[in-house]
Structure formats: C-alpha cells, structure tokens
Amino acid sequence: MMAQRSERRRIRLDQSELLCTKGCGFYGNTAWQGLCSKCWRDENQRDRQKQIQDDWALAERLQREEEEAYASRHQKTQPQPAVAPFSKFEERKTKEKSSKVNTVTKFFTPSIKIPPKKDATVPLDAQSSPSSCSTASRPPSADTDHATREFMDFLKPLKYGRQIFKQCRAFTESMAFKRDMGVEDMSECVQDFYQSLSERLHTQFKGTGMLVLYPFTCAVLMWTFLLLGSSEYVEGIMDEVERYTTTRLYKEVFCPETSDDEKKDLAVQKRIRALHWVTIEMLGVPVDEDIPEASDSVVKAITDVIEIDSKRVPKDKLGCITRCSKHIFNAIRISKKEAASADDFLPTLIYIVLKANPPRLQSNIQYITRFCNPSRLMTGEDGYYFTNLCCAVAFIEKLDGKSLNLTSEEFDHYMSGGQASPSRPLAGGSAISQVHQRLDLLTGLGERQELVMERARQLESDLIDWTDEVEQKVQSVLDTFEAPTPTVVTADGAAPGAPAASSAIDSDNVENEHLPPPLTPQVFAG
C-alpha cells in the first residue's frame, strides 16, 4: 500500500516537454514560453517587424485623415505644416528601424580617426585601460582587472586577437552608459553582439589564418583546431568573450533596478520557506539519506546549488548546476543500486531546491537566460540541467495538494503552519531524525556523567573513612600490646646487676682436660 502511494506521488516529466515547442530539437525555457533562444529571438523580431508595420499603417492613415480634414477646411491646401509633424515622425521611425540593424555592426566598422604611430607598437597589455570617461564613471574592480588580463592572454596567439579585444572593450564601455536601458533591451544588445561576433569569427576562421605563427603556441592551437573543428574552437573563443563581457557588465546587468527580479526572488524564497514541511516521501524521491554516501552526495548537491549566486559568469553558474545534478544522479544510483533515470532526477532536484532555498534564485536564472551564450542553453548537458532547474522552480511555484497526493484540507493545514501528522516524518527526513537521535543520546550521556561523578565522590568519601578506620585499629593494637623493656649488655657479656660467670664459654665441655696443649709459635730463620 505504501509503495502504491509512493508511486502515485512520483513527479514525472516527459523529456519532450524540455524541448522547444517549435520542434527545432533544442532545449526550451519557461522564461521564453517554452522556446529555445533562437526561436525566441526570431519570434521577437517578427513581433517587432509587425509592430513597426502596424505603426506605419497607423501613421499613414492618420496622415490621410489629417490631409482630408485640412483640405476640407481650406480651399488652398498647404501640406507643409500638416506634413511637417508626420515627416518628423517618419524620420524618427526610420532611425529606430535602422538603429536595430546597426546596433552591433558599428563595432566592426573601422574608426575614421587615424591612430597615432605610437599605437602601432603598443602591446595588447597597454590597451587594457578603459577611456578616461569610463574610468571616471566606473573604476575597475579586482575581478574586472583579472578577467581583462586573462582575456588578453587568451587572445595573444590569435592573429585577430587585437581586433577582438578592441571590439569587446568598446562594446562593454558603451553598455556602461546605458544603465537606464531596460534589462531586456540590454540583453538584446548583448545577444546581438554575441551573434555578430560569432558569425564574423566563423567567416574569418580559415585554419591557421586566425593564428600568429608562434612555433609552440601555433602548434598547440592547430592540434586543438584539428581535434575540435572550427565550430568548437569558435565556441571556445566565444566562451572567453562571454566571460570578459559579463564580468565587466555584472553590476549593471545582474538584478538591475529596472527589472522586477528582486521581487521574484523574495516571492520564491517565501514560497520555499512555506513548503518546509514537504518530505522525501511526498515527492517520491528515490534517495535513502540513511546511507552515508548518498547523504554526502545530497549535501554536496545543496552546496553546489547555493554556490550559484557566488559566480559572476553565466558559464560558471551553469557549471554549479551541472555539478549539483551529477551529485543528484550519484545519490540516486547509490540508493537504488542501479543507474538513475531521468524520471527520478526531477523530483530529487525539486527536493534539493526546497532544502537549499538558494539565494536570488530567480535573478540567477534570469541572468543566465539573458546573457549566456545562447548555443550553450540550446544543447549539451548544461542546457539540459538548466532546463530541468527552470522546470523545478516552476513546479515549486505551482505546487498544490494534488501534486503531493494530499487533500486540499491537508495542504492548507500544512501551509498555514500546522504540525505534520505523526504518520508522516518531519521535514528533512532521516537527517532531522538523526539530529534528534543524537540530541537524545547527548542527554543520556549527560545523565550518565552525573551518575558517574556522584559515585566517584561517594568512593572518595568511603576511601577517606576506610583510611581513618585502619589507622584507629592499628593504634588500638599498639596500645593493647606494650613492648618489653630492652636489656643492655655490657662489654663482658653480662647484664648490669647480674652475678659474674665463673666458667668460660666451653665450661660445659667435660673433655677439655683431655685436649692437647696449644701449639707454640716458632720462628724460622730464612
């Protein structure tokens, strides 16, 4: 019966639901209405083109109505005053339309200013300092300087590395002055820059034509090109471009004031705190935390998902999600003693998120969605695990009693702060029960220690009493049996006051008279 209840509580997600709803084969994202980044951008561009066409149609209709009204009021029409306002409107719409096309291409257009001759010999390191106005408005941090040095070191072997660095630096400096721009517009600018630079790199990449002929470095990069191919190598360059760009723009684009990311963060954290009573059994998580190895994997997964907020680069944040997911699969494999399935992964990920309650979860998800290299989110394990994390957060936001196999009354009772029933374990499962067991054990050890100390003090008192009793008995024995008076013997062997002896020591020997006379010593001449 318990197995059936646990089976009904299992959270299942068809793997096809993770893919783009357009059927392109890439991973979708709930933030993009189930679309992948490519389809989402295409949809936005079509919507904007349609909006522009509608605006033009509306402007033309208003113009005709204005001209007809003006012609009916005046016999001699003077279209200039009437057309002048529309001409300004038409000019403004034309600029807006052309600006979208030239947003990124201007970074690839050579400057009309002729650089001084000394710039031709200035090394790439000397170009790392931003312009004076940029420096005055935003002093570089230690992380920014470190990212700049690493980016320059990476680009040094490339033939066009200097141009790539100039374009990236110019783009980040221009974005620093667009802090009042909406976050979605900033995301569009960054994604346009990624796309344009990637297309330019793919076009210009011609084997060793991208490389400076440094003997050792060129050989290493050539082997990298032969092993990975041009597409993978360009993606590696774009990873470094993303690292440099997002590190410099992190303070401007992560949870900006123009967005509602902070409000969403607070809502998710409040929701997770309210669901603190949800247990492993309710979610159908196939993890046994009584097994030390599985429990360690759960703790590592929680640590990794919390660590997402400490990273600045979208790729590093995705790395934390990937490591967390691998620890989850390891915990499932240890508990089930068999390979983990995708159906077991999502409920466990939901449980990990509920236990961890990661800081600024929605801000980090939106940051990755907006400013990550789009190709990484569409394919690969990073994109798969990130899509699952988005699904887990969406499930938590819409969690109800039916999802946990509970009645509405039970769900409302738990959400209102009611205690869990005795038949259900407390939140945290065996981990909290182990804590209570250890607290009980410590309490028992304290009582036993008090008993041992009491008995030790009693033993000490008994020893003192026994010592006193022995001393008293010895003294009483000595007092009962007095010692006799010692006899003093004189030099002649007689006690004082005793009669003198008349015989020698062998006086009792009656045969003394039969003894021969003693020998007389004689002297021999030598």
Protein backbone atom coordinates (compact mmCIF):
# COMPACT_ATOMS: atom_id res chain seq x y z
CA MET A 1 0.00 0.00 0.00
CA MET A 2 2.81 2.37 0.91
CA ALA A 3 4.57 1.52 -2.34
CA GLN A 4 1.43 2.40 -4.30
CA ARG A 5 1.09 5.74 -2.52
CA SER A 6 4.74 6.48 -3.18
CA GLU A 7 4.30 5.56 -6.85
CA ARG A 8 1.34 7.93 -7.23
CA ARG A 9 3.36 10.73 -5.72
CA ARG A 10 6.13 10.38 -8.28
CA ILE A 11 6.66 13.51 -10.35
CA ARG A 12 7.11 12.57 -13.97
CA LEU A 13 8.13 14.82 -16.82
CA ASP A 14 8.24 13.71 -20.42
CA GLN A 15 11.61 14.53 -21.92
CA SER A 16 9.86 16.01 -24.96
CA GLU A 17 8.47 18.72 -22.66
CA LEU A 18 12.02 20.00 -22.15
CA LEU A 19 12.45 20.70 -25.86
CA CYS A 20 11.45 23.80 -27.78
CA THR A 21 7.76 23.97 -28.57
CA LYS A 22 8.61 24.89 -32.16
CA GLY A 23 10.06 21.43 -32.68
CA CYS A 24 13.55 22.61 -33.61
CA GLY A 25 15.15 19.99 -31.33
CA PHE A 26 16.85 22.43 -28.96
CA TYR A 27 16.04 22.81 -25.25
CA GLY A 28 13.32 25.28 -24.39
CA ASN A 29 13.00 27.59 -21.42
CA THR A 30 9.99 28.58 -19.36
CA ALA A 31 11.24 32.17 -19.38
CA TRP A 32 10.93 32.09 -23.18
CA GLN A 33 7.46 30.49 -23.13
CA GLY A 34 8.91 27.07 -23.86
CA LEU A 35 11.00 28.23 -26.82
CA CYS A 36 14.73 27.97 -27.31
CA SER A 37 16.81 31.14 -27.53
CA LYS A 38 16.94 31.07 -31.33
CA CYS A 39 13.19 30.66 -31.82
CA TRP A 40 12.53 33.22 -29.11
CA ARG A 41 14.67 35.81 -30.87
CA ASP A 42 13.00 35.02 -34.19
CA GLU A 43 9.57 35.43 -32.61
CA ASN A 44 10.57 38.75 -31.07
CA GLN A 45 11.96 40.02 -34.35
CA ARG A 46 8.76 39.04 -36.18
CA ASP A 47 6.66 40.72 -33.49
CA ARG A 48 8.72 43.89 -33.73
CA GLN A 49 8.56 43.94 -37.50
CA LYS A 50 4.80 43.51 -37.30
CA GLN A 51 4.61 46.30 -34.73
CA ILE A 52 6.64 48.57 -37.00
CA GLN A 53 4.37 47.80 -39.95
CA ASP A 54 1.29 48.47 -37.82
CA ASP A 55 2.80 51.78 -36.70
CA TRP A 56 3.48 52.74 -40.30
CA ALA A 57 -0.05 51.81 -41.35
CA LEU A 58 -1.48 53.82 -38.46
CA ALA A 59 0.72 56.80 -39.31
CA GLU A 60 -0.32 56.71 -42.96
CA ARG A 61 -3.99 56.51 -42.02
CA LEU A 62 -3.63 59.43 -39.62
CA GLN A 63 -1.84 61.38 -42.31
CA ARG A 64 -4.60 60.81 -44.84
CA GLU A 65 -7.25 61.80 -42.33
CA GLU A 66 -5.33 64.93 -41.39
CA GLU A 67 -4.86 65.90 -45.05
CA GLU A 68 -8.52 65.33 -45.85
CA ALA A 69 -9.62 67.37 -42.84
CA TYR A 70 -7.24 70.15 -43.73
CA ALA A 71 -8.36 70.14 -47.38
CA SER A 72 -11.99 70.37 -46.38
CA ARG A 73 -11.31 73.42 -44.21
CA HIS A 74 -9.16 75.30 -46.68
CA GLN A 75 -9.61 75.68 -50.41
CA LYS A 76 -5.89 76.11 -50.91
CA THR A 77 -4.12 73.34 -49.09
CA GLN A 78 -0.73 73.91 -47.62
CA PRO A 79 0.54 70.44 -46.84
CA GLN A 80 3.83 71.57 -45.40
CA PRO A 81 2.58 72.43 -41.91
CA ALA A 82 0.46 69.30 -41.85
CA VAL A 83 3.14 67.05 -43.26
CA ALA A 84 5.90 68.51 -41.17
CA PRO A 85 4.83 66.76 -37.95
CA PHE A 86 4.42 63.48 -39.79
CA SER A 87 7.75 63.99 -41.51
CA LYS A 88 9.40 64.16 -38.09
CA PHE A 89 7.51 61.06 -37.03
CA GLU A 90 8.54 59.24 -40.21
CA GLU A 91 12.13 60.28 -39.74
CA ARG A 92 12.11 59.07 -36.13
CA LYS A 93 10.66 55.67 -37.12
CA THR A 94 13.25 55.33 -39.86
CA LYS A 95 16.04 55.98 -37.38
CA GLU A 96 14.63 53.45 -34.94
CA LYS A 97 14.38 50.85 -37.69
CA SER A 98 17.91 51.44 -38.97
CA SER A 99 19.40 51.60 -35.47
CA LYS A 100 18.39 47.99 -34.81
CA VAL A 101 20.34 46.88 -37.84
CA ASN A 102 23.41 48.94 -36.96
CA THR A 103 23.45 48.13 -33.25
CA VAL A 104 26.42 45.81 -33.49
CA THR A 105 27.89 46.41 -36.94
CA LYS A 106 29.28 49.72 -35.78
CA PHE A 107 31.69 47.83 -33.54
CA PHE A 108 33.19 46.17 -36.64
CA THR A 109 33.44 49.40 -38.66
CA PRO A 110 36.97 50.86 -38.59
CA SER A 111 37.27 54.23 -36.97
CA ILE A 112 37.68 57.27 -39.24
CA LYS A 113 40.31 58.64 -36.92
CA ILE A 114 43.88 57.78 -37.89
CA PRO A 115 45.59 56.39 -34.81
CA PRO A 116 48.97 57.82 -33.83
CA LYS A 117 52.03 55.95 -34.91
CA LYS A 118 52.94 55.03 -31.38
CA ASP A 119 49.75 52.95 -31.10
CA ALA A 120 51.10 50.60 -33.72
CA THR A 121 53.80 49.44 -31.38
CA VAL A 122 51.76 49.50 -28.18
CA PRO A 123 51.30 45.95 -26.91
CA LEU A 124 47.91 44.47 -26.16
CA ASP A 125 48.52 44.82 -22.43
CA ALA A 126 48.73 48.60 -22.74
CA GLN A 127 45.25 48.75 -24.27
CA SER A 128 43.51 47.24 -21.31
CA SER A 129 42.90 50.55 -19.58
CA PRO A 130 39.47 51.98 -20.45
CA SER A 131 38.87 55.50 -21.59
CA SER A 132 39.09 58.36 -19.15
CA CYS A 133 35.34 58.95 -19.04
CA SER A 134 34.67 55.28 -18.43
CA THR A 135 37.27 55.09 -15.71
CA ALA A 136 35.85 58.12 -14.00
CA SER A 137 32.35 56.73 -14.03
CA ARG A 138 33.20 53.16 -13.07
CA PRO A 139 36.59 52.28 -11.56
CA PRO A 140 37.60 48.72 -12.47
CA SER A 141 37.39 46.15 -9.71
CA ALA A 142 39.90 43.40 -8.96
CA ASP A 143 37.69 40.83 -10.70
CA THR A 144 37.43 43.05 -13.77
CA ASP A 145 41.19 43.53 -13.96
CA HIS A 146 41.78 39.80 -13.55
CA ALA A 147 39.25 38.96 -16.28
CA THR A 148 40.84 41.54 -18.60
CA ARG A 149 44.33 40.08 -18.13
CA GLU A 150 43.09 36.54 -18.71
CA PHE A 151 41.21 37.62 -21.83
CA MET A 152 44.27 39.37 -23.27
CA ASP A 153 46.47 36.35 -22.55
CA PHE A 154 43.96 34.15 -24.34
CA LEU A 155 43.82 36.42 -27.41
CA LYS A 156 47.57 36.97 -27.81
CA PRO A 157 48.18 33.90 -30.04
CA LEU A 158 45.32 34.86 -32.38
CA LYS A 159 46.00 36.86 -35.49
CA TYR A 160 42.85 38.95 -34.99
CA GLY A 161 43.06 38.92 -31.20
CA ARG A 162 43.78 42.65 -31.03
CA GLN A 163 40.67 43.48 -33.06
CA ILE A 164 38.51 41.13 -30.99
CA PHE A 165 39.72 42.76 -27.80
CA LYS A 166 39.08 46.28 -29.13
CA GLN A 167 35.55 45.36 -30.18
CA CYS A 168 34.76 43.72 -26.84
CA ARG A 169 36.18 46.62 -24.86
CA ALA A 170 34.32 49.18 -26.96
CA PHE A 171 31.09 47.25 -26.54
CA THR A 172 31.38 46.96 -22.74
CA GLU A 173 32.29 50.63 -22.40
CA SER A 174 29.28 51.65 -24.50
CA MET A 175 27.00 49.43 -22.40
CA ALA A 176 28.25 51.08 -19.21
CA PHE A 177 26.49 54.29 -20.33
CA LYS A 178 23.18 52.50 -20.93
CA ARG A 179 22.32 51.72 -17.32
CA ASP A 180 18.88 53.30 -17.67
CA MET A 181 18.03 50.98 -20.54
CA GLY A 182 15.59 48.16 -19.80
CA VAL A 183 17.18 44.85 -18.93
CA GLU A 184 15.54 43.11 -21.88
CA ASP A 185 16.97 45.72 -24.25
CA MET A 186 20.40 45.25 -22.66
CA SER A 187 20.03 41.51 -23.13
CA GLU A 188 19.16 42.03 -26.79
CA CYS A 189 22.24 44.19 -27.29
CA VAL A 190 24.50 41.58 -25.70
CA GLN A 191 22.94 38.72 -27.67
CA ASP A 192 23.26 40.72 -30.90
CA PHE A 193 26.92 41.29 -30.11
CA TYR A 194 27.45 37.57 -29.45
CA GLN A 195 25.74 36.61 -32.69
CA SER A 196 27.55 39.16 -34.86
CA LEU A 197 30.96 38.36 -33.40
CA SER A 198 30.36 34.63 -33.74
CA GLU A 199 29.35 34.98 -37.38
CA ARG A 200 32.40 37.14 -38.06
CA LEU A 201 34.71 34.59 -36.42
CA HIS A 202 33.19 31.75 -38.41
CA THR A 203 33.69 33.74 -41.61
CA GLN A 204 37.27 34.74 -40.90
CA PHE A 205 38.35 31.43 -39.42
CA LYS A 206 40.48 29.74 -42.04
CA GLY A 207 42.70 27.22 -40.32
CA THR A 208 45.97 28.80 -39.30
CA GLY A 209 44.88 32.11 -40.82
CA MET A 210 43.49 33.02 -37.41
CA LEU A 211 46.80 32.31 -35.69
CA VAL A 212 50.05 34.15 -35.28
CA LEU A 213 52.88 31.86 -36.32
CA TYR A 214 54.37 31.33 -32.90
CA PRO A 215 56.08 27.93 -33.15
CA PHE A 216 54.86 26.26 -29.99
CA THR A 217 51.60 28.14 -29.48
CA CYS A 218 50.59 27.74 -33.11
CA ALA A 219 51.22 24.00 -32.94
CA VAL A 220 49.06 23.66 -29.84
CA LEU A 221 46.21 25.66 -31.35
CA MET A 222 46.49 23.77 -34.64
CA TRP A 223 46.06 20.46 -32.82
CA THR A 224 43.10 21.97 -30.98
CA PHE A 225 41.58 23.00 -34.30
CA LEU A 226 42.16 19.57 -35.83
CA LEU A 227 40.67 17.76 -32.83
CA LEU A 228 37.70 20.03 -32.19
CA GLY A 229 36.98 21.65 -35.54
CA SER A 230 36.33 25.28 -36.35
CA SER A 231 32.86 25.43 -34.74
CA GLU A 232 34.05 24.13 -31.38
CA TYR A 233 37.10 26.38 -31.49
CA VAL A 234 34.98 29.44 -32.21
CA GLU A 235 32.70 28.45 -29.33
CA GLY A 236 35.77 28.37 -27.10
CA ILE A 237 36.60 31.93 -28.15
CA MET A 238 33.01 32.97 -27.53
CA ASP A 239 33.20 31.46 -24.04
CA GLU A 240 36.09 33.79 -23.24
CA VAL A 241 34.23 36.72 -24.82
CA GLU A 242 31.25 35.93 -22.59
CA ARG A 243 33.50 35.72 -19.51
CA TYR A 244 35.10 39.08 -20.21
CA THR A 245 31.86 40.83 -21.17
CA THR A 246 29.69 39.59 -18.29
CA THR A 247 32.41 40.18 -15.71
CA ARG A 248 32.72 43.82 -16.73
CA LEU A 249 28.95 44.34 -17.01
CA TYR A 250 27.95 42.25 -13.99
CA LYS A 251 26.96 45.16 -11.72
CA GLU A 252 24.88 46.75 -14.48
CA VAL A 253 23.07 43.66 -15.79
CA PHE A 254 22.61 41.37 -12.76
CA CYS A 255 19.33 42.09 -10.98
CA PRO A 256 19.14 45.70 -12.23
CA GLU A 257 16.81 48.24 -10.69
CA THR A 258 14.81 48.44 -13.91
CA SER A 259 13.65 44.81 -13.52
CA ASP A 260 11.43 43.01 -11.02
CA ASP A 261 13.96 40.25 -10.37
CA GLU A 262 14.33 41.14 -6.69
CA LYS A 263 10.58 40.91 -6.16
CA LYS A 264 10.56 37.47 -7.79
CA ASP A 265 13.46 36.38 -5.57
CA LEU A 266 11.56 37.31 -2.43
CA ALA A 267 8.43 35.56 -3.67
CA VAL A 268 10.32 32.32 -4.40
CA GLN A 269 12.14 32.37 -1.06
CA LYS A 270 8.88 32.95 0.79
CA ARG A 271 7.25 30.13 -1.14
CA ILE A 272 10.08 27.69 -0.35
CA ARG A 273 10.01 28.62 3.35
CA ALA A 274 6.28 27.95 3.40
CA LEU A 275 6.93 24.48 1.92
CA HIS A 276 9.45 23.46 4.60
CA TRP A 277 7.20 20.56 5.64
CA VAL A 278 7.46 18.74 2.29
CA THR A 279 9.25 15.41 2.76
CA ILE A 280 11.08 12.96 0.55
CA GLU A 281 8.13 10.57 0.70
CA MET A 282 5.71 13.24 -0.51
CA LEU A 283 7.84 13.97 -3.58
CA GLY A 284 8.63 10.31 -4.24
CA VAL A 285 12.39 10.93 -4.16
CA PRO A 286 14.31 7.62 -4.50
CA VAL A 287 17.15 8.67 -2.18
CA ASP A 288 17.96 6.97 1.12
CA GLU A 289 19.72 9.52 3.32
CA ASP A 290 20.46 6.84 5.90
CA ILE A 291 23.23 5.68 3.56
CA PRO A 292 26.28 7.86 4.34
CA GLU A 293 27.45 8.05 0.71
CA ALA A 294 24.01 9.12 -0.51
CA SER A 295 23.69 11.66 2.30
CA ASP A 296 27.09 13.14 1.38
CA SER A 297 26.01 13.48 -2.26
CA VAL A 298 22.84 15.28 -1.15
CA VAL A 299 24.87 17.72 0.95
CA LYS A 300 27.25 18.37 -1.98
CA ALA A 301 24.30 18.98 -4.31
CA ILE A 302 22.84 21.51 -1.86
CA THR A 303 26.22 23.23 -1.60
CA ASP A 304 26.57 23.49 -5.38
CA VAL A 305 23.10 24.96 -5.93
CA ILE A 306 23.75 27.56 -3.20
CA GLU A 307 27.11 28.39 -4.77
CA ILE A 308 25.42 29.57 -7.99
CA ASP A 309 24.97 33.06 -6.55
CA SER A 310 28.69 33.44 -5.83
CA LYS A 311 29.65 33.19 -9.53
CA ARG A 312 29.65 36.06 -11.99
CA VAL A 313 29.99 34.35 -15.36
CA PRO A 314 26.93 32.52 -16.76
CA LYS A 315 29.14 29.58 -17.75
CA ASP A 316 30.37 29.21 -14.15
CA LYS A 317 26.81 29.38 -12.83
CA LEU A 318 25.83 26.63 -15.26
CA GLY A 319 28.82 24.64 -14.03
CA CYS A 320 27.42 24.74 -10.49
CA ILE A 321 24.06 23.48 -11.77
CA THR A 322 25.76 20.67 -13.69
CA ARG A 323 27.80 19.55 -10.65
CA CYS A 324 24.69 19.64 -8.48
CA SER A 325 22.84 17.47 -10.99
CA LYS A 326 25.66 14.93 -11.14
CA HIS A 327 25.67 14.64 -7.34
CA ILE A 328 21.92 14.02 -7.51
CA PHE A 329 22.39 11.22 -10.02
CA ASN A 330 25.11 9.75 -7.82
CA ALA A 331 22.84 9.80 -4.74
CA ILE A 332 20.06 8.06 -6.69
CA ARG A 333 22.46 5.44 -8.04
CA ILE A 334 23.80 4.65 -4.55
CA SER A 335 20.30 4.43 -3.07
CA LYS A 336 18.76 2.31 -5.83
CA LYS A 337 21.95 0.33 -6.57
CA GLU A 338 21.29 0.83 -10.26
CA ALA A 339 21.61 3.51 -12.90
CA ALA A 340 19.48 6.59 -12.22
CA SER A 341 16.75 7.54 -14.69
CA ALA A 342 15.54 10.94 -15.82
CA ASP A 343 12.19 10.29 -14.09
CA ASP A 344 13.98 10.13 -10.74
CA PHE A 345 16.06 13.23 -11.39
CA LEU A 346 13.40 15.98 -11.43
CA PRO A 347 11.73 15.07 -8.07
CA THR A 348 15.16 14.89 -6.44
CA LEU A 349 16.14 18.25 -7.91
CA ILE A 350 12.93 19.77 -6.54
CA TYR A 351 13.75 18.32 -3.11
CA ILE A 352 17.29 19.74 -3.26
CA VAL A 353 15.98 23.21 -4.17
CA LEU A 354 13.46 23.07 -1.30
CA LYS A 355 16.16 22.10 1.20
CA ALA A 356 18.72 24.61 -0.08
CA ASN A 357 16.45 27.62 -0.72
CA PRO A 358 19.20 29.21 -2.87
CA PRO A 359 19.67 32.97 -2.59
CA ARG A 360 18.46 35.12 -5.51
CA LEU A 361 17.38 32.06 -7.44
CA GLN A 362 15.18 33.88 -9.96
CA SER A 363 17.80 36.58 -10.53
CA ASN A 364 20.42 33.97 -11.35
CA ILE A 365 18.07 32.12 -13.70
CA GLN A 366 17.14 35.34 -15.50
CA TYR A 367 20.79 36.41 -15.66
CA ILE A 368 21.79 33.13 -17.30
CA THR A 369 18.83 33.32 -19.67
CA ARG A 370 19.57 36.86 -20.77
CA PHE A 371 23.36 36.98 -21.03
CA CYS A 372 24.62 33.43 -21.54
CA ASN A 373 25.98 32.29 -24.87
CA PRO A 374 22.72 31.00 -26.44
CA SER A 375 24.28 27.92 -28.00
CA ARG A 376 25.11 26.54 -24.54
CA LEU A 377 21.49 26.74 -23.40
CA MET A 378 20.13 25.04 -26.51
CA THR A 379 22.27 21.88 -26.44
CA GLY A 380 24.58 19.87 -24.19
CA GLU A 381 24.34 18.80 -20.58
CA ASP A 382 24.47 22.40 -19.31
CA GLY A 383 21.35 23.24 -21.29
CA TYR A 384 19.59 20.04 -20.18
CA TYR A 385 20.26 20.56 -16.48
CA PHE A 386 19.41 24.26 -16.64
CA THR A 387 16.09 23.46 -18.32
CA ASN A 388 15.33 20.97 -15.53
CA LEU A 389 16.14 23.60 -12.91
CA CYS A 390 13.71 26.03 -14.56
CA CYS A 391 11.05 23.28 -14.53
CA ALA A 392 11.74 22.58 -10.85
CA VAL A 393 11.28 26.24 -9.93
CA ALA A 394 8.08 26.44 -11.98
CA PHE A 395 6.79 23.30 -10.22
CA ILE A 396 7.54 24.79 -6.78
CA GLU A 397 5.68 27.99 -7.67
CA LYS A 398 2.59 25.99 -8.74
CA LEU A 399 2.83 23.21 -6.13
CA ASP A 400 -0.54 22.14 -4.70
CA GLY A 401 -2.00 19.28 -2.69
CA LYS A 402 -2.73 17.16 -5.75
CA SER A 403 0.94 17.21 -6.71
CA LEU A 404 1.82 15.72 -3.30
CA ASN A 405 -1.14 13.32 -3.18
CA LEU A 406 -2.73 15.37 -0.40
CA THR A 407 -6.23 16.69 0.03
CA SER A 408 -6.85 20.41 -0.16
CA GLU A 409 -7.56 20.50 3.59
CA GLU A 410 -4.27 18.78 4.42
CA PHE A 411 -2.31 21.04 2.08
CA ASP A 412 -3.90 24.20 3.50
CA HIS A 413 -3.29 22.92 7.04
CA TYR A 414 0.42 22.44 6.38
CA MET A 415 0.75 25.75 4.53
CA SER A 416 -0.87 27.57 7.45
CA GLY A 417 1.83 26.28 9.80
CA GLY A 418 0.09 23.18 11.17
CA GLN A 419 2.26 20.36 12.53
CA ALA A 420 2.86 17.32 10.39
CA SER A 421 0.87 14.25 11.34
CA PRO A 422 2.63 11.50 13.33
CA SER A 423 2.34 9.14 10.36
CA ARG A 424 4.46 11.49 8.27
CA PRO A 425 8.10 12.15 9.12
CA LEU A 426 9.22 15.65 9.86
CA ALA A 427 10.64 17.86 7.16
CA GLY A 428 14.16 16.89 6.36
CA GLY A 429 13.50 13.15 6.58
CA SER A 430 16.09 10.98 8.22
CA ALA A 431 18.57 13.85 8.55
CA ILE A 432 16.44 15.62 11.16
CA SER A 433 15.54 12.34 12.84
CA GLN A 434 19.26 11.64 13.17
CA VAL A 435 19.72 15.04 14.78
CA HIS A 436 17.01 14.26 17.32
CA GLN A 437 18.56 10.86 18.00
CA ARG A 438 21.93 12.46 18.65
CA LEU A 439 20.34 15.04 20.95
CA ASP A 440 18.69 12.24 22.92
CA LEU A 441 22.00 10.40 23.07
CA LEU A 442 23.76 13.52 24.35
CA THR A 443 21.07 13.95 27.00
CA GLY A 444 21.54 10.34 28.12
CA LEU A 445 25.29 10.78 28.22
CA GLY A 446 24.88 13.84 30.43
CA GLU A 447 22.75 11.93 32.90
CA ARG A 448 25.23 9.06 32.95
CA GLN A 449 28.07 11.51 33.54
CA GLU A 450 26.27 12.99 36.53
CA LEU A 451 25.74 9.47 37.96
CA VAL A 452 29.41 8.59 37.47
CA MET A 453 30.53 11.81 39.17
CA GLU A 454 28.21 11.15 42.11
CA ARG A 455 29.55 7.63 42.55
CA ALA A 456 33.13 8.88 42.27
CA ARG A 457 32.52 11.36 45.07
CA GLN A 458 30.96 8.56 47.19
CA LEU A 459 34.00 6.35 46.54
CA GLU A 460 36.32 9.15 47.59
CA SER A 461 34.40 9.59 50.85
CA ASP A 462 34.48 5.83 51.50
CA LEU A 463 38.22 5.73 50.98
CA ILE A 464 38.78 8.52 53.49
CA ASP A 465 36.61 6.76 56.06
CA TRP A 466 38.38 3.45 55.49
CA THR A 467 41.79 5.10 55.93
CA ASP A 468 40.73 6.63 59.25
CA GLU A 469 39.31 3.31 60.43
CA VAL A 470 42.53 1.43 59.62
CA GLU A 471 44.62 3.98 61.45
CA GLN A 472 42.42 3.71 64.52
CA LYS A 473 42.62 -0.10 64.56
CA VAL A 474 46.41 -0.08 64.24
CA GLN A 475 46.71 2.38 67.10
CA SER A 476 44.43 0.34 69.30
CA VAL A 477 46.54 -2.78 68.69
CA LEU A 478 49.70 -0.93 69.56
CA ASP A 479 48.16 0.39 72.76
CA THR A 480 46.99 -3.11 73.83
CA PHE A 481 50.32 -4.92 73.42
CA GLU A 482 53.09 -2.89 75.17
CA ALA A 483 56.69 -3.73 74.12
CA PRO A 484 59.12 -5.29 76.85
CA THR A 485 61.97 -3.21 78.33
CA PRO A 486 65.16 -3.79 76.30
CA THR A 487 68.18 -5.36 78.14
CA VAL A 488 71.54 -3.57 77.89
CA VAL A 489 74.53 -5.92 77.62
CA THR A 490 77.94 -4.79 78.93
CA ALA A 491 81.31 -5.36 77.28
CA ASP A 492 81.97 -8.56 79.21
CA GLY A 493 78.68 -10.02 78.10
CA ALA A 494 76.89 -9.73 81.47
CA ALA A 495 73.85 -7.76 82.17
CA PRO A 496 74.17 -4.99 84.75
CA GLY A 497 73.46 -6.27 88.30
CA ALA A 498 73.85 -9.89 87.28
CA PRO A 499 76.39 -12.21 89.11
CA ALA A 500 79.69 -12.73 87.31
CA ALA A 501 80.08 -16.01 85.42
CA SER A 502 82.78 -18.44 86.78
CA SER A 503 83.24 -20.53 83.69
CA ALA A 504 84.29 -19.86 80.15
CA ILE A 505 82.30 -20.40 77.02
CA ASP A 506 83.25 -24.14 76.87
CA SER A 507 82.89 -24.80 80.52
CA ASP A 508 80.21 -27.27 79.78
CA ASN A 509 82.63 -29.35 77.73
CA VAL A 510 83.84 -32.07 80.17
CA GLU A 511 86.51 -33.29 77.81
CA ASN A 512 88.56 -30.09 77.90
CA GLU A 513 91.21 -31.59 80.12
CA HIS A 514 91.89 -34.27 77.53
CA LEU A 515 92.80 -31.73 74.89
CA PRO A 516 96.43 -31.37 73.86
CA PRO A 517 98.30 -28.24 74.78
CA PRO A 518 98.16 -25.40 72.34
CA LEU A 519 100.90 -25.02 69.79
CA THR A 520 103.69 -22.64 70.46
CA PRO A 521 104.66 -20.32 67.61
CA GLN A 522 108.20 -20.80 66.35
CA VAL A 523 110.45 -18.52 64.36
CA PHE A 524 112.34 -19.98 61.41
CA ALA A 525 115.42 -18.36 60.05
CA GLY A 526 115.05 -17.67 56.45
